[in-house]
Amino acid sequence: PGDLVQAALSRGLQELGRELRQIEAADAGGAKHPRFKASDDATAMLMRLS
């Protein structure tokens, strides 16, 4: 989880979403990353509290 937060902070959620879709497209059959659909729903929110 910490790595995901750091990636979100450094690269942004939009970029992480694009990366997720690329990973899903490269494994359309779900052999490496099993899932029910070719592309699952993806929602993210990053909050910075000060």
N, C-alpha and C. Protein backbone atom coordinates (compact mmCIF):
# COMPACT_ATOMS: atom_id res chain seq x y z
N PRO A 1 0.81 -1.22 0.00
CA PRO A 1 0.00 0.00 0.00
C PRO A 1 0.84 1.27 0.00
N GLY A 2 1.95 1.28 0.73
CA GLY A 2 2.80 2.47 0.77
C GLY A 2 3.38 2.80 -0.59
N ASP A 3 3.76 1.77 -1.35
CA ASP A 3 4.29 2.00 -2.69
C ASP A 3 3.23 2.61 -3.60
N LEU A 4 1.99 2.18 -3.45
CA LEU A 4 0.90 2.72 -4.26
C LEU A 4 0.68 4.19 -3.95
N VAL A 5 0.72 4.55 -2.69
CA VAL A 5 0.55 5.96 -2.30
C VAL A 5 1.70 6.79 -2.85
N GLN A 6 2.91 6.30 -2.75
CA GLN A 6 4.06 7.04 -3.27
C GLN A 6 3.95 7.22 -4.79
N ALA A 7 3.51 6.17 -5.48
CA ALA A 7 3.32 6.27 -6.93
C ALA A 7 2.24 7.29 -7.26
N ALA A 8 1.17 7.30 -6.50
CA ALA A 8 0.09 8.27 -6.73
C ALA A 8 0.58 9.69 -6.50
N LEU A 9 1.39 9.88 -5.48
CA LEU A 9 1.92 11.22 -5.19
C LEU A 9 2.91 11.67 -6.27
N SER A 10 3.74 10.77 -6.73
CA SER A 10 4.78 11.17 -7.68
C SER A 10 4.30 11.20 -9.13
N ARG A 11 3.45 10.24 -9.52
CA ARG A 11 3.03 10.15 -10.92
C ARG A 11 1.60 10.61 -11.17
N GLY A 12 0.80 10.64 -10.13
CA GLY A 12 -0.59 11.07 -10.28
C GLY A 12 -1.53 9.91 -10.53
N LEU A 13 -2.78 10.07 -10.12
CA LEU A 13 -3.77 9.01 -10.26
C LEU A 13 -4.12 8.73 -11.71
N GLN A 14 -4.14 9.76 -12.53
CA GLN A 14 -4.48 9.56 -13.94
C GLN A 14 -3.45 8.65 -14.61
N GLU A 15 -2.19 8.86 -14.32
CA GLU A 15 -1.13 8.01 -14.89
C GLU A 15 -1.25 6.58 -14.37
N LEU A 16 -1.55 6.42 -13.09
CA LEU A 16 -1.72 5.07 -12.55
C LEU A 16 -2.90 4.37 -13.21
N GLY A 17 -3.95 5.10 -13.51
CA GLY A 17 -5.10 4.53 -14.22
C GLY A 17 -4.72 4.06 -15.61
N ARG A 18 -3.93 4.87 -16.32
CA ARG A 18 -3.46 4.46 -17.65
C ARG A 18 -2.61 3.20 -17.56
N GLU A 19 -1.74 3.15 -16.55
CA GLU A 19 -0.88 1.98 -16.36
C GLU A 19 -1.72 0.73 -16.08
N LEU A 20 -2.75 0.88 -15.27
CA LEU A 20 -3.65 -0.24 -14.97
C LEU A 20 -4.29 -0.77 -16.25
N ARG A 21 -4.79 0.13 -17.09
CA ARG A 21 -5.44 -0.29 -18.34
C ARG A 21 -4.44 -0.97 -19.28
N GLN A 22 -3.19 -0.53 -19.29
CA GLN A 22 -2.17 -1.18 -20.11
C GLN A 22 -1.90 -2.59 -19.61
N ILE A 23 -1.83 -2.75 -18.29
CA ILE A 23 -1.61 -4.08 -17.71
C ILE A 23 -2.77 -4.99 -18.05
N GLU A 24 -3.99 -4.48 -17.94
CA GLU A 24 -5.17 -5.28 -18.28
C GLU A 24 -5.17 -5.67 -19.76
N ALA A 25 -4.81 -4.73 -20.63
CA ALA A 25 -4.80 -5.01 -22.07
C ALA A 25 -3.75 -6.06 -22.43
N ALA A 26 -2.62 -6.02 -21.75
CA ALA A 26 -1.55 -6.99 -22.00
C ALA A 26 -1.91 -8.38 -21.50
N ASP A 27 -2.89 -8.47 -20.61
CA ASP A 27 -3.32 -9.75 -20.04
C ASP A 27 -4.84 -9.88 -20.20
N ALA A 28 -5.30 -9.69 -21.45
CA ALA A 28 -6.75 -9.66 -21.71
C ALA A 28 -7.47 -10.92 -21.26
N GLY A 29 -6.80 -12.06 -21.31
CA GLY A 29 -7.42 -13.32 -20.91
C GLY A 29 -7.41 -13.55 -19.41
N GLY A 30 -6.70 -12.71 -18.67
CA GLY A 30 -6.65 -12.84 -17.22
C GLY A 30 -5.77 -13.98 -16.72
N ALA A 31 -4.81 -14.41 -17.52
CA ALA A 31 -3.94 -15.52 -17.12
C ALA A 31 -2.98 -15.11 -16.00
N LYS A 32 -2.39 -13.92 -16.12
CA LYS A 32 -1.42 -13.47 -15.12
C LYS A 32 -2.11 -12.81 -13.93
N HIS A 33 -3.16 -12.04 -14.22
CA HIS A 33 -3.92 -11.34 -13.18
C HIS A 33 -5.39 -11.74 -13.30
N PRO A 34 -5.79 -12.86 -12.67
CA PRO A 34 -7.17 -13.35 -12.81
C PRO A 34 -8.20 -12.31 -12.37
N ARG A 35 -9.26 -12.19 -13.18
CA ARG A 35 -10.36 -11.28 -12.87
C ARG A 35 -11.58 -11.75 -13.66
N PHE A 36 -12.74 -11.27 -13.28
CA PHE A 36 -13.99 -11.70 -13.91
C PHE A 36 -14.22 -11.04 -15.26
N LYS A 37 -13.74 -9.81 -15.43
CA LYS A 37 -13.94 -9.07 -16.68
C LYS A 37 -12.58 -8.66 -17.23
N ALA A 38 -12.54 -8.34 -18.52
CA ALA A 38 -11.27 -7.91 -19.12
C ALA A 38 -10.75 -6.63 -18.48
N SER A 39 -11.67 -5.78 -18.04
CA SER A 39 -11.30 -4.52 -17.41
C SER A 39 -12.25 -4.23 -16.26
N ASP A 40 -11.74 -4.25 -15.06
CA ASP A 40 -12.56 -3.98 -13.89
C ASP A 40 -12.74 -2.48 -13.69
N ASP A 41 -13.74 -2.14 -12.89
CA ASP A 41 -13.95 -0.73 -12.53
C ASP A 41 -12.74 -0.23 -11.75
N ALA A 42 -12.43 1.02 -11.90
CA ALA A 42 -11.29 1.60 -11.18
C ALA A 42 -11.66 3.00 -10.70
N THR A 43 -11.62 3.18 -9.41
CA THR A 43 -11.90 4.48 -8.81
C THR A 43 -10.81 4.75 -7.79
N ALA A 44 -10.32 5.97 -7.76
CA ALA A 44 -9.28 6.32 -6.79
C ALA A 44 -9.47 7.75 -6.33
N MET A 45 -9.03 8.00 -5.12
CA MET A 45 -9.07 9.34 -4.57
C MET A 45 -7.82 9.51 -3.71
N LEU A 46 -7.15 10.60 -3.88
CA LEU A 46 -5.95 10.90 -3.11
C LEU A 46 -6.20 12.18 -2.33
N MET A 47 -6.10 12.10 -1.03
CA MET A 47 -6.34 13.26 -0.17
C MET A 47 -5.07 13.63 0.55
N ARG A 48 -4.78 14.89 0.58
CA ARG A 48 -3.64 15.40 1.35
C ARG A 48 -4.21 16.25 2.48
N LEU A 49 -3.94 15.86 3.69
CA LEU A 49 -4.41 16.60 4.85
C LEU A 49 -3.25 17.36 5.47
N SER A 50 -3.51 18.57 5.85
CA SER A 50 -2.43 19.34 6.48
C SER A 50 -2.92 19.96 7.77
